[in-house]
Amino acid sequence: MNVSKALNKKAFTLIELLIVIIIMGVVYNLAITNFAKLSKGDTKVSLSNLRSYLASIPHDKSVKLLCFDECQACDIYVDDVKSRTIEGLLNKDVRSYRYEFNYGYTEAEKDVFFDDNDVEKDICFSYKVDKKGVGDQILVEFKNKFYDLGSYIKKTPVYSSLDDAQEVKDNLAKEVMR
Protein backbone atom coordinates (compact mmCIF):
# COMPACT_ATOMS: atom_id res chain seq x y z
CA MET A 1 0.00 0.00 0.00
CA ASN A 2 2.78 2.44 0.77
CA VAL A 3 4.14 1.96 -2.74
CA SER A 4 0.73 2.72 -4.23
CA LYS A 5 0.40 5.94 -2.23
CA ALA A 6 3.92 7.01 -3.20
CA LEU A 7 3.14 6.50 -6.91
CA ASN A 8 -0.06 8.52 -6.64
CA LYS A 9 1.74 11.45 -5.06
CA LYS A 10 4.34 11.64 -7.87
CA ALA A 11 1.83 11.52 -10.72
CA PHE A 12 0.24 14.57 -12.35
CA THR A 13 -3.49 14.87 -12.68
CA LEU A 14 -5.05 15.27 -16.10
CA ILE A 15 -5.97 18.89 -15.34
CA GLU A 16 -2.39 19.73 -14.36
CA LEU A 17 -1.10 18.23 -17.61
CA LEU A 18 -3.66 20.20 -19.65
CA ILE A 19 -2.67 23.43 -17.91
CA VAL A 20 1.02 22.81 -18.68
CA ILE A 21 0.23 22.03 -22.32
CA ILE A 22 -1.87 25.22 -22.66
CA ILE A 23 0.90 27.35 -21.11
CA MET A 24 3.49 25.81 -23.44
CA GLY A 25 1.21 26.50 -26.42
CA VAL A 26 0.80 30.16 -25.46
CA VAL A 27 4.55 30.64 -24.97
CA TYR A 28 5.29 28.88 -28.26
CA ASN A 29 2.74 31.04 -30.10
CA LEU A 30 4.20 34.26 -28.68
CA ALA A 31 7.76 33.22 -29.52
CA ILE A 32 6.93 32.24 -33.10
CA THR A 33 4.93 35.44 -33.70
CA ASN A 34 7.78 37.65 -32.47
CA PHE A 35 10.37 35.66 -34.42
CA ALA A 36 8.32 35.98 -37.61
CA LYS A 37 8.13 39.76 -37.16
CA LEU A 38 11.91 39.97 -36.73
CA SER A 39 12.62 37.83 -39.76
CA LYS A 40 10.27 39.87 -41.97
CA GLY A 41 12.06 43.07 -40.97
CA ASP A 42 8.84 44.87 -40.09
CA THR A 43 10.60 48.16 -39.52
CA LYS A 44 8.39 51.23 -39.51
CA VAL A 45 9.67 53.23 -42.46
CA SER A 46 9.87 57.00 -42.04
CA LEU A 47 11.81 59.80 -43.69
CA SER A 48 14.25 59.68 -40.77
CA ASN A 49 15.31 56.12 -41.54
CA LEU A 50 14.46 55.88 -45.27
CA ARG A 51 18.06 55.81 -46.55
CA SER A 52 19.22 53.18 -44.08
CA TYR A 53 16.07 51.11 -44.63
CA LEU A 54 16.55 51.05 -48.40
CA ALA A 55 20.29 50.43 -48.07
CA SER A 56 19.57 47.41 -45.85
CA ILE A 57 17.60 45.68 -48.62
CA PRO A 58 19.90 43.27 -50.50
CA HIS A 59 20.54 44.57 -54.04
CA ASP A 60 23.13 44.50 -56.82
CA LYS A 61 22.57 47.90 -58.52
CA SER A 62 20.09 50.08 -56.68
CA VAL A 63 16.96 50.29 -54.56
CA LYS A 64 14.36 52.93 -55.48
CA LEU A 65 11.33 54.22 -53.67
CA LEU A 66 8.77 55.53 -56.16
CA CYS A 67 5.56 57.18 -55.00
CA PHE A 68 2.93 57.73 -57.67
CA ASP A 69 -0.03 60.07 -58.10
CA GLU A 70 -1.00 61.48 -54.68
CA CYS A 71 1.82 59.67 -52.79
CA GLN A 72 -0.67 57.45 -50.93
CA ALA A 73 1.41 54.35 -51.70
CA CYS A 74 5.07 53.98 -52.58
CA ASP A 75 6.64 51.04 -54.39
CA ILE A 76 10.12 49.73 -53.67
CA TYR A 77 12.05 48.59 -56.74
CA VAL A 78 15.08 46.39 -56.15
CA ASP A 79 17.35 46.39 -59.20
CA ASP A 80 14.44 47.75 -61.28
CA VAL A 81 12.01 45.01 -60.19
CA LYS A 82 9.05 45.91 -57.98
CA SER A 83 9.58 44.28 -54.60
CA ARG A 84 6.93 45.64 -52.21
CA THR A 85 4.58 48.52 -51.47
CA ILE A 86 4.59 50.86 -48.48
CA GLU A 87 1.41 52.73 -47.62
CA GLY A 88 1.04 55.83 -45.48
CA LEU A 89 4.65 57.03 -45.68
CA LEU A 90 3.91 60.31 -47.48
CA ASN A 91 1.11 62.33 -49.03
CA LYS A 92 0.79 64.83 -51.89
CA ASP A 93 2.26 67.67 -49.76
CA VAL A 94 5.81 66.28 -49.92
CA ARG A 95 8.40 68.44 -51.72
CA SER A 96 12.00 67.70 -52.69
CA TYR A 97 14.90 70.12 -53.07
CA ARG A 98 18.39 69.80 -54.50
CA TYR A 99 21.30 71.93 -53.37
CA GLU A 100 23.19 73.98 -55.95
CA PHE A 101 26.27 75.83 -54.76
CA ASN A 102 25.45 79.14 -56.48
CA TYR A 103 21.68 79.11 -55.88
CA GLY A 104 21.15 77.15 -52.68
CA TYR A 105 18.19 74.82 -52.46
CA THR A 106 15.92 74.69 -55.49
CA GLU A 107 12.91 72.47 -55.97
CA ALA A 108 13.90 69.18 -57.58
CA GLU A 109 12.39 68.10 -60.87
CA LYS A 110 10.16 65.05 -60.78
CA ASP A 111 11.56 61.84 -62.26
CA VAL A 112 9.91 60.18 -65.23
CA PHE A 113 8.69 56.60 -64.92
CA PHE A 114 7.22 54.23 -67.47
CA ASP A 115 5.39 51.12 -66.31
CA ASP A 116 5.63 47.67 -67.92
CA ASN A 117 3.19 48.79 -70.66
CA ASP A 118 5.33 51.87 -71.49
CA VAL A 119 2.73 54.20 -70.02
CA GLU A 120 4.17 57.23 -68.24
CA LYS A 121 3.10 57.51 -64.59
CA ASP A 122 3.14 60.69 -62.50
CA ILE A 123 5.76 60.45 -59.78
CA CYS A 124 4.97 62.33 -56.59
CA PHE A 125 8.27 61.43 -54.89
CA SER A 126 11.32 59.31 -55.64
CA TYR A 127 14.47 58.36 -53.78
CA LYS A 128 17.26 56.00 -54.82
CA VAL A 129 20.13 54.30 -52.99
CA ASP A 130 22.98 52.84 -55.05
CA LYS A 131 24.96 49.65 -54.42
CA LYS A 132 27.40 51.50 -52.14
CA GLY A 133 24.58 52.79 -49.93
CA VAL A 134 24.77 56.37 -51.21
CA GLY A 135 21.37 57.97 -51.69
CA ASP A 136 20.08 60.85 -53.78
CA GLN A 137 21.35 64.16 -52.45
CA ILE A 138 17.99 65.77 -51.64
CA LEU A 139 16.23 67.69 -48.92
CA VAL A 140 12.64 66.56 -48.32
CA GLU A 141 9.97 68.87 -46.91
CA PHE A 142 7.10 67.06 -45.21
CA LYS A 143 4.78 68.09 -42.38
CA ASN A 144 6.74 71.29 -41.64
CA LYS A 145 10.05 69.45 -41.25
CA PHE A 146 13.02 69.25 -43.61
CA TYR A 147 14.87 65.93 -43.86
CA ASP A 148 18.39 65.97 -45.32
CA LEU A 149 18.56 62.61 -47.09
CA GLY A 150 21.89 63.57 -48.62
CA SER A 151 23.75 62.70 -45.42
CA TYR A 152 24.84 59.07 -45.55
CA ILE A 153 27.54 59.01 -42.90
CA LYS A 154 25.36 60.02 -39.98
CA LYS A 155 21.73 59.92 -38.95
CA THR A 156 19.34 61.91 -41.15
CA PRO A 157 19.43 65.55 -40.00
CA VAL A 158 16.01 67.16 -39.53
CA TYR A 159 15.56 70.92 -39.73
CA SER A 160 12.64 73.13 -38.75
CA SER A 161 12.97 75.43 -41.77
CA LEU A 162 14.48 75.61 -45.23
CA ASP A 163 16.63 78.51 -44.05
CA ASP A 164 18.16 76.34 -41.29
CA ALA A 165 19.00 73.62 -43.81
CA GLN A 166 20.37 76.22 -46.21
CA GLU A 167 22.67 77.69 -43.55
CA VAL A 168 24.10 74.29 -42.61
CA LYS A 169 24.69 73.35 -46.28
CA ASP A 170 26.27 76.75 -47.06
CA ASN A 171 28.63 76.40 -44.08
CA LEU A 172 29.57 72.90 -45.21
CA ALA A 173 30.22 74.11 -48.77
CA LYS A 174 32.40 76.96 -47.47
CA GLU A 175 34.33 74.51 -45.30
CA VAL A 176 34.98 72.25 -48.28
CA MET A 177 36.15 75.19 -50.39
CA ARG A 178 38.84 76.19 -47.87
C-alpha atoms as a PDB file:
ATOM      1  CA  MET A   1       0.000   0.000   0.000  1.00  0.00           C
ATOM      2  CA  ASN A   2       2.777   2.436   0.771  1.00  0.00           C
ATOM      3  CA  VAL A   3       4.139   1.962  -2.742  1.00  0.00           C
ATOM      4  CA  SER A   4       0.728   2.723  -4.227  1.00  0.00           C
ATOM      5  CA  LYS A   5       0.403   5.944  -2.234  1.00  0.00           C
ATOM      6  CA  ALA A   6       3.920   7.005  -3.205  1.00  0.00           C
ATOM      7  CA  LEU A   7       3.142   6.497  -6.914  1.00  0.00           C
ATOM      8  CA  ASN A   8      -0.058   8.522  -6.643  1.00  0.00           C
ATOM      9  CA  LYS A   9       1.745  11.453  -5.063  1.00  0.00           C
ATOM     10  CA  LYS A  10       4.343  11.642  -7.868  1.00  0.00           C
ATOM     11  CA  ALA A  11       1.835  11.522 -10.715  1.00  0.00           C
ATOM     12  CA  PHE A  12       0.240  14.570 -12.346  1.00  0.00           C
ATOM     13  CA  THR A  13      -3.486  14.871 -12.684  1.00  0.00           C
ATOM     14  CA  LEU A  14      -5.051  15.267 -16.095  1.00  0.00           C
ATOM     15  CA  ILE A  15      -5.965  18.888 -15.335  1.00  0.00           C
ATOM     16  CA  GLU A  16      -2.385  19.728 -14.364  1.00  0.00           C
ATOM     17  CA  LEU A  17      -1.099  18.226 -17.613  1.00  0.00           C
ATOM     18  CA  LEU A  18      -3.661  20.195 -19.646  1.00  0.00           C
ATOM     19  CA  ILE A  19      -2.672  23.435 -17.909  1.00  0.00           C
ATOM     20  CA  VAL A  20       1.016  22.810 -18.676  1.00  0.00           C
ATOM     21  CA  ILE A  21       0.228  22.028 -22.325  1.00  0.00           C
ATOM     22  CA  ILE A  22      -1.872  25.217 -22.657  1.00  0.00           C
ATOM     23  CA  ILE A  23       0.901  27.350 -21.111  1.00  0.00           C
ATOM     24  CA  MET A  24       3.490  25.807 -23.440  1.00  0.00           C
ATOM     25  CA  GLY A  25       1.212  26.497 -26.420  1.00  0.00           C
ATOM     26  CA  VAL A  26       0.802  30.160 -25.464  1.00  0.00           C
ATOM     27  CA  VAL A  27       4.550  30.636 -24.967  1.00  0.00           C
ATOM     28  CA  TYR A  28       5.289  28.881 -28.260  1.00  0.00           C
ATOM     29  CA  ASN A  29       2.735  31.037 -30.099  1.00  0.00           C
ATOM     30  CA  LEU A  30       4.203  34.264 -28.678  1.00  0.00           C
ATOM     31  CA  ALA A  31       7.755  33.221 -29.516  1.00  0.00           C
ATOM     32  CA  ILE A  32       6.935  32.239 -33.100  1.00  0.00           C
ATOM     33  CA  THR A  33       4.934  35.437 -33.697  1.00  0.00           C
ATOM     34  CA  ASN A  34       7.783  37.650 -32.469  1.00  0.00           C
ATOM     35  CA  PHE A  35      10.373  35.662 -34.423  1.00  0.00           C
ATOM     36  CA  ALA A  36       8.315  35.976 -37.608  1.00  0.00           C
ATOM     37  CA  LYS A  37       8.132  39.762 -37.158  1.00  0.00           C
ATOM     38  CA  LEU A  38      11.907  39.972 -36.730  1.00  0.00           C
ATOM     39  CA  SER A  39      12.619  37.830 -39.762  1.00  0.00           C
ATOM     40  CA  LYS A  40      10.268  39.867 -41.966  1.00  0.00           C
ATOM     41  CA  GLY A  41      12.062  43.069 -40.965  1.00  0.00           C
ATOM     42  CA  ASP A  42       8.837  44.869 -40.086  1.00  0.00           C
ATOM     43  CA  THR A  43      10.600  48.156 -39.519  1.00  0.00           C
ATOM     44  CA  LYS A  44       8.388  51.230 -39.512  1.00  0.00           C
ATOM     45  CA  VAL A  45       9.667  53.230 -42.461  1.00  0.00           C
ATOM     46  CA  SER A  46       9.874  57.003 -42.037  1.00  0.00           C
ATOM     47  CA  LEU A  47      11.811  59.801 -43.690  1.00  0.00           C
ATOM     48  CA  SER A  48      14.247  59.683 -40.769  1.00  0.00           C
ATOM     49  CA  ASN A  49      15.307  56.115 -41.544  1.00  0.00           C
ATOM     50  CA  LEU A  50      14.463  55.884 -45.267  1.00  0.00           C
ATOM     51  CA  ARG A  51      18.056  55.815 -46.555  1.00  0.00           C
ATOM     52  CA  SER A  52      19.221  53.179 -44.077  1.00  0.00           C
ATOM     53  CA  TYR A  53      16.065  51.110 -44.633  1.00  0.00           C
ATOM     54  CA  LEU A  54      16.545  51.054 -48.402  1.00  0.00           C
ATOM     55  CA  ALA A  55      20.288  50.430 -48.074  1.00  0.00           C
ATOM     56  CA  SER A  56      19.573  47.406 -45.853  1.00  0.00           C
ATOM     57  CA  ILE A  57      17.599  45.679 -48.618  1.00  0.00           C
ATOM     58  CA  PRO A  58      19.902  43.272 -50.496  1.00  0.00           C
ATOM     59  CA  HIS A  59      20.541  44.565 -54.037  1.00  0.00           C
ATOM     60  CA  ASP A  60      23.132  44.504 -56.816  1.00  0.00           C
ATOM     61  CA  LYS A  61      22.574  47.898 -58.523  1.00  0.00           C
ATOM     62  CA  SER A  62      20.088  50.081 -56.677  1.00  0.00           C
ATOM     63  CA  VAL A  63      16.963  50.295 -54.555  1.00  0.00           C
ATOM     64  CA  LYS A  64      14.365  52.925 -55.479  1.00  0.00           C
ATOM     65  CA  LEU A  65      11.332  54.223 -53.672  1.00  0.00           C
ATOM     66  CA  LEU A  66       8.766  55.532 -56.165  1.00  0.00           C
ATOM     67  CA  CYS A  67       5.561  57.183 -54.996  1.00  0.00           C
ATOM     68  CA  PHE A  68       2.927  57.734 -57.671  1.00  0.00           C
ATOM     69  CA  ASP A  69      -0.033  60.073 -58.099  1.00  0.00           C
ATOM     70  CA  GLU A  70      -0.996  61.478 -54.675  1.00  0.00           C
ATOM     71  CA  CYS A  71       1.822  59.665 -52.786  1.00  0.00           C
ATOM     72  CA  GLN A  72      -0.671  57.453 -50.934  1.00  0.00           C
ATOM     73  CA  ALA A  73       1.405  54.354 -51.701  1.00  0.00           C
ATOM     74  CA  CYS A  74       5.067  53.979 -52.576  1.00  0.00           C
ATOM     75  CA  ASP A  75       6.644  51.045 -54.387  1.00  0.00           C
ATOM     76  CA  ILE A  76      10.120  49.728 -53.674  1.00  0.00           C
ATOM     77  CA  TYR A  77      12.047  48.594 -56.741  1.00  0.00           C
ATOM     78  CA  VAL A  78      15.079  46.390 -56.147  1.00  0.00           C
ATOM     79  CA  ASP A  79      17.346  46.386 -59.201  1.00  0.00           C
ATOM     80  CA  ASP A  80      14.436  47.750 -61.282  1.00  0.00           C
ATOM     81  CA  VAL A  81      12.010  45.009 -60.189  1.00  0.00           C
ATOM     82  CA  LYS A  82       9.055  45.906 -57.975  1.00  0.00           C
ATOM     83  CA  SER A  83       9.575  44.283 -54.599  1.00  0.00           C
ATOM     84  CA  ARG A  84       6.930  45.643 -52.210  1.00  0.00           C
ATOM     85  CA  THR A  85       4.582  48.518 -51.470  1.00  0.00           C
ATOM     86  CA  ILE A  86       4.592  50.861 -48.481  1.00  0.00           C
ATOM     87  CA  GLU A  87       1.414  52.728 -47.621  1.00  0.00           C
ATOM     88  CA  GLY A  88       1.040  55.826 -45.478  1.00  0.00           C
ATOM     89  CA  LEU A  89       4.645  57.027 -45.685  1.00  0.00           C
ATOM     90  CA  LEU A  90       3.908  60.311 -47.485  1.00  0.00           C
ATOM     91  CA  ASN A  91       1.107  62.330 -49.029  1.00  0.00           C
ATOM     92  CA  LYS A  92       0.788  64.834 -51.886  1.00  0.00           C
ATOM     93  CA  ASP A  93       2.263  67.666 -49.761  1.00  0.00           C
ATOM     94  CA  VAL A  94       5.815  66.279 -49.921  1.00  0.00           C
ATOM     95  CA  ARG A  95       8.396  68.440 -51.720  1.00  0.00           C
ATOM     96  CA  SER A  96      11.997  67.696 -52.689  1.00  0.00           C
ATOM     97  CA  TYR A  97      14.900  70.116 -53.071  1.00  0.00           C
ATOM     98  CA  ARG A  98      18.394  69.798 -54.504  1.00  0.00           C
ATOM     99  CA  TYR A  99      21.303  71.929 -53.374  1.00  0.00           C
ATOM    100  CA  GLU A 100      23.192  73.981 -55.948  1.00  0.00           C
ATOM    101  CA  PHE A 101      26.269  75.830 -54.756  1.00  0.00           C
ATOM    102  CA  ASN A 102      25.447  79.143 -56.483  1.00  0.00           C
ATOM    103  CA  TYR A 103      21.682  79.106 -55.881  1.00  0.00           C
ATOM    104  CA  GLY A 104      21.153  77.151 -52.678  1.00  0.00           C
ATOM    105  CA  TYR A 105      18.188  74.819 -52.456  1.00  0.00           C
ATOM    106  CA  THR A 106      15.921  74.690 -55.492  1.00  0.00           C
ATOM    107  CA  GLU A 107      12.912  72.470 -55.973  1.00  0.00           C
ATOM    108  CA  ALA A 108      13.901  69.179 -57.584  1.00  0.00           C
ATOM    109  CA  GLU A 109      12.386  68.104 -60.866  1.00  0.00           C
ATOM    110  CA  LYS A 110      10.156  65.046 -60.781  1.00  0.00           C
ATOM    111  CA  ASP A 111      11.556  61.839 -62.260  1.00  0.00           C
ATOM    112  CA  VAL A 112       9.910  60.180 -65.227  1.00  0.00           C
ATOM    113  CA  PHE A 113       8.687  56.603 -64.916  1.00  0.00           C
ATOM    114  CA  PHE A 114       7.224  54.229 -67.471  1.00  0.00           C
ATOM    115  CA  ASP A 115       5.390  51.116 -66.309  1.00  0.00           C
ATOM    116  CA  ASP A 116       5.629  47.667 -67.920  1.00  0.00           C
ATOM    117  CA  ASN A 117       3.192  48.787 -70.658  1.00  0.00           C
ATOM    118  CA  ASP A 118       5.333  51.866 -71.493  1.00  0.00           C
ATOM    119  CA  VAL A 119       2.731  54.195 -70.017  1.00  0.00           C
ATOM    120  CA  GLU A 120       4.166  57.231 -68.235  1.00  0.00           C
ATOM    121  CA  LYS A 121       3.103  57.512 -64.588  1.00  0.00           C
ATOM    122  CA  ASP A 122       3.144  60.685 -62.503  1.00  0.00           C
ATOM    123  CA  ILE A 123       5.757  60.454 -59.783  1.00  0.00           C
ATOM    124  CA  CYS A 124       4.969  62.327 -56.595  1.00  0.00           C
ATOM    125  CA  PHE A 125       8.267  61.433 -54.885  1.00  0.00           C
ATOM    126  CA  SER A 126      11.324  59.307 -55.638  1.00  0.00           C
ATOM    127  CA  TYR A 127      14.472  58.356 -53.783  1.00  0.00           C
ATOM    128  CA  LYS A 128      17.263  55.996 -54.825  1.00  0.00           C
ATOM    129  CA  VAL A 129      20.130  54.305 -52.994  1.00  0.00           C
ATOM    130  CA  ASP A 130      22.985  52.840 -55.054  1.00  0.00           C
ATOM    131  CA  LYS A 131      24.962  49.651 -54.422  1.00  0.00           C
ATOM    132  CA  LYS A 132      27.405  51.503 -52.143  1.00  0.00           C
ATOM    133  CA  GLY A 133      24.575  52.792 -49.933  1.00  0.00           C
ATOM    134  CA  VAL A 134      24.770  56.367 -51.215  1.00  0.00           C
ATOM    135  CA  GLY A 135      21.366  57.966 -51.695  1.00  0.00           C
ATOM    136  CA  ASP A 136      20.081  60.847 -53.779  1.00  0.00           C
ATOM    137  CA  GLN A 137      21.347  64.164 -52.452  1.00  0.00           C
ATOM    138  CA  ILE A 138      17.989  65.766 -51.644  1.00  0.00           C
ATOM    139  CA  LEU A 139      16.234  67.686 -48.915  1.00  0.00           C
ATOM    140  CA  VAL A 140      12.641  66.562 -48.317  1.00  0.00           C
ATOM    141  CA  GLU A 141       9.967  68.870 -46.908  1.00  0.00           C
ATOM    142  CA  PHE A 142       7.104  67.055 -45.211  1.00  0.00           C
ATOM    143  CA  LYS A 143       4.782  68.093 -42.381  1.00  0.00           C
ATOM    144  CA  ASN A 144       6.742  71.289 -41.637  1.00  0.00           C
ATOM    145  CA  LYS A 145      10.046  69.448 -41.253  1.00  0.00           C
ATOM    146  CA  PHE A 146      13.019  69.253 -43.605  1.00  0.00           C
ATOM    147  CA  TYR A 147      14.868  65.927 -43.864  1.00  0.00           C
ATOM    148  CA  ASP A 148      18.391  65.969 -45.316  1.00  0.00           C
ATOM    149  CA  LEU A 149      18.557  62.612 -47.091  1.00  0.00           C
ATOM    150  CA  GLY A 150      21.893  63.568 -48.619  1.00  0.00           C
ATOM    151  CA  SER A 151      23.748  62.701 -45.424  1.00  0.00           C
ATOM    152  CA  TYR A 152      24.838  59.073 -45.553  1.00  0.00           C
ATOM    153  CA  ILE A 153      27.537  59.007 -42.904  1.00  0.00           C
ATOM    154  CA  LYS A 154      25.356  60.019 -39.981  1.00  0.00           C
ATOM    155  CA  LYS A 155      21.728  59.916 -38.954  1.00  0.00           C
ATOM    156  CA  THR A 156      19.340  61.913 -41.151  1.00  0.00           C
ATOM    157  CA  PRO A 157      19.427  65.554 -39.996  1.00  0.00           C
ATOM    158  CA  VAL A 158      16.006  67.159 -39.533  1.00  0.00           C
ATOM    159  CA  TYR A 159      15.555  70.923 -39.725  1.00  0.00           C
ATOM    160  CA  SER A 160      12.638  73.127 -38.750  1.00  0.00           C
ATOM    161  CA  SER A 161      12.970  75.433 -41.775  1.00  0.00           C
ATOM    162  CA  LEU A 162      14.475  75.610 -45.232  1.00  0.00           C
ATOM    163  CA  ASP A 163      16.635  78.509 -44.053  1.00  0.00           C
ATOM    164  CA  ASP A 164      18.165  76.342 -41.292  1.00  0.00           C
ATOM    165  CA  ALA A 165      19.003  73.619 -43.809  1.00  0.00           C
ATOM    166  CA  GLN A 166      20.375  76.224 -46.215  1.00  0.00           C
ATOM    167  CA  GLU A 167      22.665  77.689 -43.551  1.00  0.00           C
ATOM    168  CA  VAL A 168      24.098  74.286 -42.613  1.00  0.00           C
ATOM    169  CA  LYS A 169      24.685  73.354 -46.278  1.00  0.00           C
ATOM    170  CA  ASP A 170      26.266  76.746 -47.061  1.00  0.00           C
ATOM    171  CA  ASN A 171      28.629  76.399 -44.084  1.00  0.00           C
ATOM    172  CA  LEU A 172      29.568  72.899 -45.210  1.00  0.00           C
ATOM    173  CA  ALA A 173      30.221  74.114 -48.770  1.00  0.00           C
ATOM    174  CA  LYS A 174      32.402  76.955 -47.465  1.00  0.00           C
ATOM    175  CA  GLU A 175      34.332  74.507 -45.298  1.00  0.00           C
ATOM    176  CA  VAL A 176      34.977  72.246 -48.283  1.00  0.00           C
ATOM    177  CA  MET A 177      36.146  75.192 -50.394  1.00  0.00           C
ATOM    178  CA  ARG A 178      38.840  76.187 -47.867  1.00  0.00           C
END
